[in-house]
Amino acid sequence: MLSAGSPVDNELSSIQKVLDKYNEVVSFISACKGFSYSEFERDSLYPVEDVKSKVSRAVSLRQNHLENSYVDNFIRLHDDLKEIPQTFFEAHIAYLDKKINDWSGMYPNYVSHSDYSNNLYKPLKAQIESLNNSIYKVSNFAFEYDKLIQKWKDDNVKAYNHKYK
């Protein structure tokens, strides 16, 4: 009954394909939810291309009915996949916020405001500005983006008012 190509073997293979696809999707979701990035050096960049790829994969899975009609019936998987852009967006915001916190107040280490601006303020501001809502497509993008920009601009104002030696 279990010989290769038998009806029972074919049925078991079909069930195994469903289980494999389910496990693949669950593992993907778990990896996305557990994503973190902890390089906070001044020149470190958030892995946007990796995130973009994972968000695209989540969208593709949903659009392609989880690539399996049986797995497609798991509403929880659809809900979890819908949350992935927001999850990555929140991780990106947390990353930039921590980077701002780590580098705020460093202007006394520079010889002038121009030196601070060129070597710290502008590069980190460019990283904030590169935050791209076309990747995440989240409703709270503008609020979070504006909050980060303002926080970093506040540091620049302090740097501008600082008396350099």
Protein backbone atom coordinates (compact mmCIF):
# COMPACT_ATOMS: atom_id res chain seq x y z
CA MET A 1 0.00 0.00 0.00
CA LEU A 2 2.93 2.37 0.61
CA SER A 3 4.88 1.59 -2.52
CA ALA A 4 6.03 4.61 -4.50
CA GLY A 5 3.23 6.03 -6.62
CA SER A 6 0.45 4.13 -4.85
CA PRO A 7 -2.74 6.03 -3.92
CA VAL A 8 -1.80 5.90 -0.21
CA ASP A 9 1.75 7.09 -0.95
CA ASN A 10 0.37 9.91 -3.10
CA GLU A 11 -2.06 10.94 -0.35
CA LEU A 12 0.69 10.93 2.29
CA SER A 13 2.95 12.95 -0.03
CA SER A 14 0.14 15.45 -0.52
CA ILE A 15 -0.34 15.79 3.24
CA GLN A 16 3.42 16.18 3.73
CA LYS A 17 3.48 19.00 1.16
CA VAL A 18 0.77 20.82 3.11
CA LEU A 19 2.66 20.37 6.37
CA ASP A 20 5.94 21.47 4.77
CA LYS A 21 4.36 24.64 3.34
CA TYR A 22 2.67 25.39 6.67
CA ASN A 23 6.01 24.99 8.49
CA GLU A 24 7.75 27.14 5.88
CA VAL A 25 5.24 29.97 6.34
CA VAL A 26 5.30 29.70 10.14
CA SER A 27 9.12 29.75 10.12
CA PHE A 28 9.15 32.77 7.82
CA ILE A 29 6.72 34.65 10.07
CA SER A 30 8.74 33.72 13.15
CA ALA A 31 11.98 34.91 11.54
CA CYS A 32 10.33 38.21 10.61
CA LYS A 33 8.92 38.76 14.07
CA GLY A 34 12.30 37.96 15.62
CA PHE A 35 14.27 40.23 13.31
CA SER A 36 16.68 42.62 14.96
CA TYR A 37 19.60 44.69 13.88
CA SER A 38 22.08 46.07 16.35
CA GLU A 39 24.81 47.88 14.45
CA PHE A 40 24.66 51.42 15.79
CA GLU A 41 27.98 52.80 14.61
CA ARG A 42 27.72 56.16 12.92
CA ASP A 43 28.18 54.73 9.42
CA SER A 44 26.14 51.56 9.95
CA LEU A 45 23.09 51.30 7.75
CA TYR A 46 19.87 49.46 8.45
CA PRO A 47 19.53 46.43 6.12
CA VAL A 48 16.74 47.95 4.04
CA GLU A 49 17.15 45.60 1.08
CA ASP A 50 16.80 42.54 3.33
CA VAL A 51 13.70 44.02 4.95
CA LYS A 52 12.27 44.99 1.57
CA SER A 53 12.76 41.40 0.37
CA LYS A 54 11.01 39.96 3.42
CA VAL A 55 8.08 42.40 3.16
CA SER A 56 7.74 41.53 -0.54
CA ARG A 57 7.77 37.83 0.33
CA ALA A 58 5.00 38.35 2.90
CA VAL A 59 2.89 40.22 0.34
CA SER A 60 3.59 37.57 -2.30
CA LEU A 61 2.57 34.75 0.02
CA ARG A 62 -0.73 36.43 0.77
CA GLN A 63 -1.42 37.24 -2.87
CA ASN A 64 -0.59 33.68 -3.91
CA HIS A 65 -2.90 32.12 -1.31
CA LEU A 66 0.08 30.98 0.78
CA GLU A 67 1.10 28.83 -2.18
CA ASN A 68 -1.13 26.01 -0.97
CA SER A 69 -4.93 25.90 -0.90
CA TYR A 70 -5.05 24.06 2.43
CA VAL A 71 -2.55 26.31 4.16
CA ASP A 72 -4.46 29.28 2.74
CA ASN A 73 -7.32 28.41 5.10
CA PHE A 74 -5.27 29.38 8.18
CA ILE A 75 -6.57 32.87 8.94
CA ARG A 76 -3.94 33.33 11.65
CA LEU A 77 -1.19 33.00 9.05
CA HIS A 78 -2.81 35.67 6.90
CA ASP A 79 -3.14 37.96 9.91
CA ASP A 80 0.49 37.39 10.89
CA LEU A 81 1.67 38.06 7.34
CA LYS A 82 -0.37 41.30 7.24
CA GLU A 83 1.49 42.47 10.37
CA ILE A 84 4.98 41.96 8.93
CA PRO A 85 5.33 45.43 7.33
CA GLN A 86 4.29 47.07 10.62
CA THR A 87 6.68 44.82 12.56
CA PHE A 88 9.61 45.76 10.34
CA PHE A 89 8.62 49.42 10.39
CA GLU A 90 8.57 49.44 14.18
CA ALA A 91 11.99 47.74 14.23
CA HIS A 92 13.37 50.34 11.80
CA ILE A 93 11.95 53.19 13.88
CA ALA A 94 13.38 51.67 17.08
CA TYR A 95 16.75 51.30 15.36
CA LEU A 96 16.82 54.93 14.23
CA ASP A 97 15.57 56.16 17.60
CA LYS A 98 18.33 54.27 19.42
CA LYS A 99 20.88 55.55 16.95
CA ILE A 100 19.71 59.11 17.57
CA ASN A 101 19.86 58.53 21.34
CA ASP A 102 23.37 57.07 21.06
CA TRP A 103 24.70 59.93 18.95
CA SER A 104 22.78 62.87 20.45
CA GLY A 105 24.86 65.24 22.50
CA MET A 106 28.10 64.34 20.72
CA TYR A 107 28.54 67.82 19.25
CA PRO A 108 31.09 68.87 21.93
CA ASN A 109 33.44 66.28 20.41
CA TYR A 110 33.59 68.30 17.18
CA VAL A 111 35.60 71.44 16.51
CA SER A 112 32.73 73.41 14.98
CA HIS A 113 29.08 73.19 14.14
CA SER A 114 30.04 72.70 10.51
CA ASP A 115 32.27 69.74 11.47
CA TYR A 116 29.43 68.23 13.54
CA SER A 117 26.90 68.86 10.79
CA ASN A 118 28.98 67.34 8.00
CA ASN A 119 30.23 64.33 9.92
CA LEU A 120 27.32 63.39 12.15
CA TYR A 121 24.13 65.39 11.70
CA LYS A 122 23.75 65.19 7.91
CA PRO A 123 24.67 61.49 7.54
CA LEU A 124 22.22 60.40 10.26
CA LYS A 125 19.57 62.78 8.95
CA ALA A 126 19.99 61.14 5.52
CA GLN A 127 19.39 57.74 7.12
CA ILE A 128 16.19 59.04 8.70
CA GLU A 129 15.10 60.63 5.43
CA SER A 130 15.72 57.36 3.59
CA LEU A 131 12.99 55.74 5.67
CA ASN A 132 10.68 54.80 2.84
CA ASN A 133 6.96 54.25 3.29
CA SER A 134 6.70 52.50 -0.06
CA ILE A 135 8.39 49.53 1.64
CA TYR A 136 6.24 49.46 4.75
CA LYS A 137 2.96 51.11 3.68
CA VAL A 138 1.89 51.73 7.28
CA SER A 139 -0.64 54.23 8.55
CA ASN A 140 1.57 55.76 11.27
CA PHE A 141 4.51 56.45 8.94
CA ALA A 142 4.25 60.26 8.90
CA PHE A 143 3.88 60.54 12.67
CA GLU A 144 6.90 58.34 13.43
CA TYR A 145 9.02 59.87 10.67
CA ASP A 146 8.28 63.42 11.84
CA LYS A 147 9.06 62.47 15.44
CA LEU A 148 12.50 61.13 14.47
CA ILE A 149 13.30 64.13 12.27
CA GLN A 150 12.32 66.56 15.03
CA LYS A 151 14.33 64.70 17.66
CA TRP A 152 17.45 64.84 15.49
CA LYS A 153 16.83 68.50 14.55
CA ASP A 154 16.61 69.33 18.27
CA ASP A 155 20.11 67.92 18.71
CA ASN A 156 21.27 70.08 15.80
CA VAL A 157 19.83 73.19 17.47
CA LYS A 158 21.78 72.36 20.64
CA ALA A 159 24.88 71.84 18.53
CA TYR A 160 24.35 75.16 16.77
CA ASN A 161 24.00 76.98 20.11
CA HIS A 162 27.04 75.23 21.62
CA LYS A 163 30.20 77.32 22.14
CA TYR A 164 32.96 75.44 20.35
CA LYS A 165 36.57 75.85 21.51
